[in-house]
N, C-alpha and C. Protein backbone atom coordinates (compact mmCIF):
# COMPACT_ATOMS: atom_id res chain seq x y z
N MET A 1 1.58 1.17 -14.05
CA MET A 1 0.95 2.44 -13.73
C MET A 1 1.68 3.09 -12.57
N GLY A 2 1.18 4.17 -12.11
CA GLY A 2 1.81 4.89 -11.02
C GLY A 2 2.23 6.24 -11.51
N CYS A 3 3.36 6.70 -11.05
CA CYS A 3 3.89 8.00 -11.43
C CYS A 3 5.16 7.80 -12.22
N ALA A 4 5.48 8.79 -13.03
CA ALA A 4 6.76 8.75 -13.72
C ALA A 4 7.87 8.72 -12.68
N GLN A 5 8.92 8.02 -12.98
CA GLN A 5 10.03 7.95 -12.05
C GLN A 5 10.59 9.35 -11.84
N PRO A 6 10.70 9.79 -10.60
CA PRO A 6 11.27 11.12 -10.36
C PRO A 6 12.77 11.09 -10.60
N THR A 7 13.28 12.22 -11.06
CA THR A 7 14.72 12.35 -11.15
C THR A 7 15.24 12.57 -9.75
N GLN A 8 16.54 12.53 -9.59
CA GLN A 8 17.10 12.70 -8.24
C GLN A 8 16.65 14.01 -7.62
N SER A 9 16.54 15.07 -8.43
CA SER A 9 16.13 16.36 -7.88
C SER A 9 14.64 16.40 -7.59
N ASP A 10 13.86 15.44 -8.13
CA ASP A 10 12.42 15.40 -7.90
C ASP A 10 12.02 14.46 -6.78
N THR A 11 12.96 13.79 -6.14
CA THR A 11 12.63 12.82 -5.12
C THR A 11 11.84 13.48 -4.00
N VAL A 12 10.77 12.80 -3.57
CA VAL A 12 9.90 13.35 -2.53
C VAL A 12 9.90 12.44 -1.32
N LYS A 13 9.61 13.00 -0.18
CA LYS A 13 9.50 12.25 1.07
C LYS A 13 8.02 12.17 1.41
N VAL A 14 7.54 10.97 1.59
CA VAL A 14 6.14 10.76 1.95
C VAL A 14 6.04 10.56 3.44
N ASP A 15 5.08 11.22 4.06
CA ASP A 15 4.87 11.09 5.50
C ASP A 15 4.17 9.77 5.77
N GLU A 16 4.88 8.83 6.36
CA GLU A 16 4.33 7.52 6.68
C GLU A 16 3.92 7.43 8.14
N THR A 17 3.97 8.53 8.87
CA THR A 17 3.67 8.49 10.29
C THR A 17 2.17 8.45 10.53
N ASN A 18 1.81 7.98 11.67
CA ASN A 18 0.43 7.97 12.09
C ASN A 18 -0.05 9.41 12.18
N THR A 19 -1.25 9.70 11.66
CA THR A 19 -1.73 11.07 11.64
C THR A 19 -2.00 11.61 13.04
N THR A 20 -2.05 10.74 14.05
CA THR A 20 -2.25 11.23 15.40
C THR A 20 -0.95 11.72 16.02
N GLU A 21 0.18 11.34 15.43
CA GLU A 21 1.47 11.82 15.93
C GLU A 21 1.66 13.26 15.48
N GLN A 22 2.25 14.06 16.32
CA GLN A 22 2.49 15.46 16.00
C GLN A 22 3.93 15.64 15.52
N ASN A 23 4.11 16.36 14.42
CA ASN A 23 5.44 16.80 14.02
C ASN A 23 5.31 18.23 13.54
N ASN A 24 6.41 18.85 13.27
CA ASN A 24 6.41 20.26 12.92
C ASN A 24 6.40 20.53 11.43
N ASN A 25 6.27 19.49 10.61
CA ASN A 25 6.26 19.68 9.17
C ASN A 25 4.94 20.32 8.74
N PRO A 26 4.99 21.27 7.78
CA PRO A 26 3.74 21.84 7.29
C PRO A 26 2.91 20.78 6.59
N LYS A 27 1.61 20.89 6.71
CA LYS A 27 0.69 19.90 6.17
C LYS A 27 -0.29 20.56 5.20
N ILE A 28 -0.70 19.78 4.23
CA ILE A 28 -1.87 20.12 3.44
C ILE A 28 -2.77 18.91 3.44
N TYR A 29 -4.00 19.12 3.07
CA TYR A 29 -5.01 18.07 3.12
C TYR A 29 -5.57 17.87 1.73
N ILE A 30 -5.84 16.62 1.41
CA ILE A 30 -6.42 16.27 0.12
C ILE A 30 -7.76 15.60 0.39
N GLY A 31 -8.83 16.26 -0.03
CA GLY A 31 -10.17 15.70 0.11
C GLY A 31 -10.52 14.89 -1.12
N MET A 32 -11.00 13.68 -0.88
CA MET A 32 -11.34 12.78 -1.98
C MET A 32 -12.85 12.69 -2.12
N ILE A 33 -13.31 12.23 -3.27
CA ILE A 33 -14.74 12.12 -3.54
C ILE A 33 -15.42 11.19 -2.53
N SER A 34 -14.66 10.25 -1.99
CA SER A 34 -15.20 9.31 -1.00
C SER A 34 -15.37 9.95 0.37
N ARG A 35 -15.05 11.23 0.47
CA ARG A 35 -15.08 12.01 1.71
C ARG A 35 -13.89 11.71 2.62
N LYS A 36 -13.02 10.84 2.17
CA LYS A 36 -11.79 10.59 2.91
C LYS A 36 -10.87 11.79 2.72
N VAL A 37 -10.17 12.15 3.77
CA VAL A 37 -9.20 13.24 3.69
C VAL A 37 -7.84 12.68 4.10
N ILE A 38 -6.86 12.89 3.24
CA ILE A 38 -5.51 12.44 3.58
C ILE A 38 -4.66 13.67 3.92
N THR A 39 -3.70 13.46 4.78
CA THR A 39 -2.80 14.52 5.23
C THR A 39 -1.42 14.25 4.66
N LEU A 40 -0.83 15.27 4.07
CA LEU A 40 0.49 15.14 3.47
C LEU A 40 1.42 16.22 3.99
N ASP A 41 2.66 15.83 4.30
CA ASP A 41 3.70 16.82 4.54
C ASP A 41 4.09 17.39 3.18
N TYR A 42 4.48 18.64 3.17
CA TYR A 42 4.90 19.23 1.91
C TYR A 42 5.91 20.34 2.19
N ILE A 43 6.57 20.76 1.14
CA ILE A 43 7.36 21.98 1.19
C ILE A 43 6.88 22.85 0.03
N SER A 44 7.02 24.13 0.17
CA SER A 44 6.44 25.06 -0.81
C SER A 44 7.06 24.90 -2.20
N THR A 45 8.24 24.31 -2.28
CA THR A 45 8.88 24.12 -3.59
C THR A 45 8.49 22.80 -4.26
N ASP A 46 7.66 21.98 -3.61
CA ASP A 46 7.12 20.79 -4.27
C ASP A 46 6.30 21.25 -5.47
N THR A 47 6.37 20.48 -6.55
CA THR A 47 5.55 20.77 -7.73
C THR A 47 4.22 20.02 -7.64
N GLY A 48 3.32 20.37 -8.55
CA GLY A 48 2.06 19.64 -8.63
C GLY A 48 2.29 18.16 -8.87
N LEU A 49 3.26 17.81 -9.70
CA LEU A 49 3.57 16.41 -9.96
C LEU A 49 4.11 15.73 -8.71
N GLN A 50 4.96 16.40 -7.96
CA GLN A 50 5.47 15.81 -6.73
C GLN A 50 4.34 15.57 -5.73
N LEU A 51 3.37 16.46 -5.70
CA LEU A 51 2.21 16.25 -4.83
C LEU A 51 1.45 15.00 -5.27
N LYS A 52 1.26 14.83 -6.58
CA LYS A 52 0.60 13.62 -7.09
C LYS A 52 1.39 12.37 -6.72
N GLN A 53 2.72 12.47 -6.75
CA GLN A 53 3.55 11.33 -6.36
C GLN A 53 3.33 10.98 -4.89
N LYS A 54 3.17 11.98 -4.05
CA LYS A 54 2.90 11.74 -2.63
C LYS A 54 1.55 11.06 -2.45
N VAL A 55 0.55 11.49 -3.21
CA VAL A 55 -0.76 10.84 -3.14
C VAL A 55 -0.63 9.39 -3.60
N PHE A 56 0.12 9.16 -4.67
CA PHE A 56 0.33 7.79 -5.16
C PHE A 56 0.97 6.93 -4.09
N GLU A 57 2.00 7.44 -3.43
CA GLU A 57 2.69 6.67 -2.39
C GLU A 57 1.75 6.32 -1.23
N LYS A 58 0.83 7.20 -0.93
CA LYS A 58 -0.05 6.99 0.21
C LYS A 58 -1.31 6.19 -0.15
N GLU A 59 -1.83 6.40 -1.37
CA GLU A 59 -3.13 5.83 -1.74
C GLU A 59 -3.09 4.91 -2.96
N GLN A 60 -1.93 4.77 -3.60
CA GLN A 60 -1.76 3.95 -4.80
C GLN A 60 -2.69 4.38 -5.94
N ILE A 61 -2.97 5.66 -6.04
CA ILE A 61 -3.75 6.19 -7.16
C ILE A 61 -2.74 6.71 -8.19
N PRO A 62 -2.75 6.14 -9.40
CA PRO A 62 -1.77 6.56 -10.41
C PRO A 62 -1.85 8.07 -10.68
N CYS A 63 -0.71 8.68 -10.84
CA CYS A 63 -0.65 10.13 -11.08
C CYS A 63 -1.50 10.55 -12.28
N GLU A 64 -1.44 9.74 -13.33
CA GLU A 64 -2.16 10.11 -14.55
C GLU A 64 -3.68 10.05 -14.37
N LYS A 65 -4.16 9.44 -13.30
CA LYS A 65 -5.60 9.39 -13.01
C LYS A 65 -6.04 10.52 -12.08
N GLN A 66 -5.09 11.25 -11.49
CA GLN A 66 -5.41 12.28 -10.50
C GLN A 66 -5.64 13.64 -11.14
N ILE A 67 -6.70 14.29 -10.70
CA ILE A 67 -6.93 15.70 -10.99
C ILE A 67 -7.04 16.38 -9.63
N ILE A 68 -6.05 17.21 -9.31
CA ILE A 68 -6.04 17.89 -8.02
C ILE A 68 -6.32 19.37 -8.29
N SER A 69 -7.24 19.92 -7.51
CA SER A 69 -7.59 21.33 -7.70
C SER A 69 -7.61 22.07 -6.37
N PHE A 70 -7.48 23.37 -6.49
CA PHE A 70 -7.54 24.26 -5.34
C PHE A 70 -8.16 25.57 -5.81
N ALA A 71 -9.14 26.05 -5.06
CA ALA A 71 -9.83 27.30 -5.40
C ALA A 71 -10.35 27.25 -6.84
N SER A 72 -10.96 26.12 -7.19
CA SER A 72 -11.57 25.90 -8.51
C SER A 72 -10.58 25.92 -9.67
N ARG A 73 -9.29 25.74 -9.38
CA ARG A 73 -8.28 25.68 -10.44
C ARG A 73 -7.50 24.38 -10.33
N MET A 74 -7.30 23.73 -11.49
CA MET A 74 -6.49 22.52 -11.51
C MET A 74 -5.04 22.88 -11.26
N LEU A 75 -4.36 22.05 -10.45
CA LEU A 75 -2.94 22.28 -10.22
C LEU A 75 -2.15 21.99 -11.48
N ASP A 76 -1.15 22.79 -11.71
CA ASP A 76 -0.22 22.60 -12.82
C ASP A 76 0.91 21.70 -12.32
N ASP A 77 1.17 20.62 -13.03
CA ASP A 77 2.21 19.67 -12.62
C ASP A 77 3.60 20.29 -12.56
N THR A 78 3.84 21.34 -13.33
CA THR A 78 5.19 21.89 -13.44
C THR A 78 5.46 23.06 -12.50
N LEU A 79 4.42 23.64 -11.93
CA LEU A 79 4.60 24.78 -11.03
C LEU A 79 4.71 24.32 -9.58
N THR A 80 5.41 25.10 -8.77
CA THR A 80 5.50 24.77 -7.35
C THR A 80 4.18 25.07 -6.66
N LEU A 81 4.01 24.48 -5.48
CA LEU A 81 2.80 24.77 -4.72
C LEU A 81 2.75 26.25 -4.34
N ALA A 82 3.88 26.83 -4.01
CA ALA A 82 3.92 28.27 -3.69
C ALA A 82 3.46 29.11 -4.88
N GLU A 83 3.90 28.74 -6.07
CA GLU A 83 3.50 29.48 -7.28
C GLU A 83 2.01 29.35 -7.55
N GLN A 84 1.39 28.33 -6.96
CA GLN A 84 -0.05 28.11 -7.15
C GLN A 84 -0.85 28.53 -5.92
N SER A 85 -0.21 29.31 -5.05
CA SER A 85 -0.84 29.89 -3.85
C SER A 85 -1.32 28.86 -2.85
N ILE A 86 -0.65 27.70 -2.81
CA ILE A 86 -0.97 26.67 -1.82
C ILE A 86 -0.12 26.93 -0.59
N VAL A 87 -0.77 27.00 0.56
CA VAL A 87 -0.06 27.24 1.82
C VAL A 87 -0.50 26.21 2.85
N GLN A 88 0.21 26.21 3.97
CA GLN A 88 -0.05 25.25 5.05
C GLN A 88 -1.53 25.24 5.42
N ASP A 89 -2.03 24.04 5.69
CA ASP A 89 -3.40 23.78 6.14
C ASP A 89 -4.46 23.99 5.07
N ASN A 90 -4.07 24.24 3.82
CA ASN A 90 -5.07 24.29 2.75
C ASN A 90 -5.62 22.90 2.52
N THR A 91 -6.86 22.83 2.06
CA THR A 91 -7.46 21.56 1.65
C THR A 91 -7.67 21.62 0.14
N LEU A 92 -7.09 20.66 -0.55
CA LEU A 92 -7.22 20.55 -1.99
C LEU A 92 -8.21 19.44 -2.30
N LYS A 93 -8.70 19.42 -3.52
CA LYS A 93 -9.70 18.43 -3.93
C LYS A 93 -9.08 17.49 -4.95
N LEU A 94 -9.32 16.20 -4.76
CA LEU A 94 -8.84 15.18 -5.69
C LEU A 94 -10.03 14.47 -6.32
N VAL A 95 -10.07 14.46 -7.64
CA VAL A 95 -11.03 13.63 -8.37
C VAL A 95 -10.22 12.76 -9.32
N LEU A 96 -10.84 11.69 -9.79
CA LEU A 96 -10.14 10.74 -10.65
C LEU A 96 -10.63 10.84 -12.08
N LYS A 97 -9.69 10.79 -13.01
CA LYS A 97 -10.03 10.71 -14.43
C LYS A 97 -10.56 9.32 -14.70
N LYS A 98 -11.45 9.23 -15.65
CA LYS A 98 -11.97 7.92 -16.04
C LYS A 98 -11.03 7.24 -16.99
């Protein structure tokens, strides 16, 4: 399980730093049903699938089990976050498929 292997152009960097450390990378937040919120570095050209890969790296939730939404719309795996109107400091919602 997990995520499909990214191609070289799809490789993502996961923020492994302590969330109390400050860096200048833009962040988005993923709220989970458990009320846990995870913080991820991102770039606007990341796709929905790359975001799922970042969640997998941080939480070990397989990509195929993730449903991520923003403003009541499911993220499209093939579109960039910018194309889906995701900007710095947005909070997205993650639910799991059964």
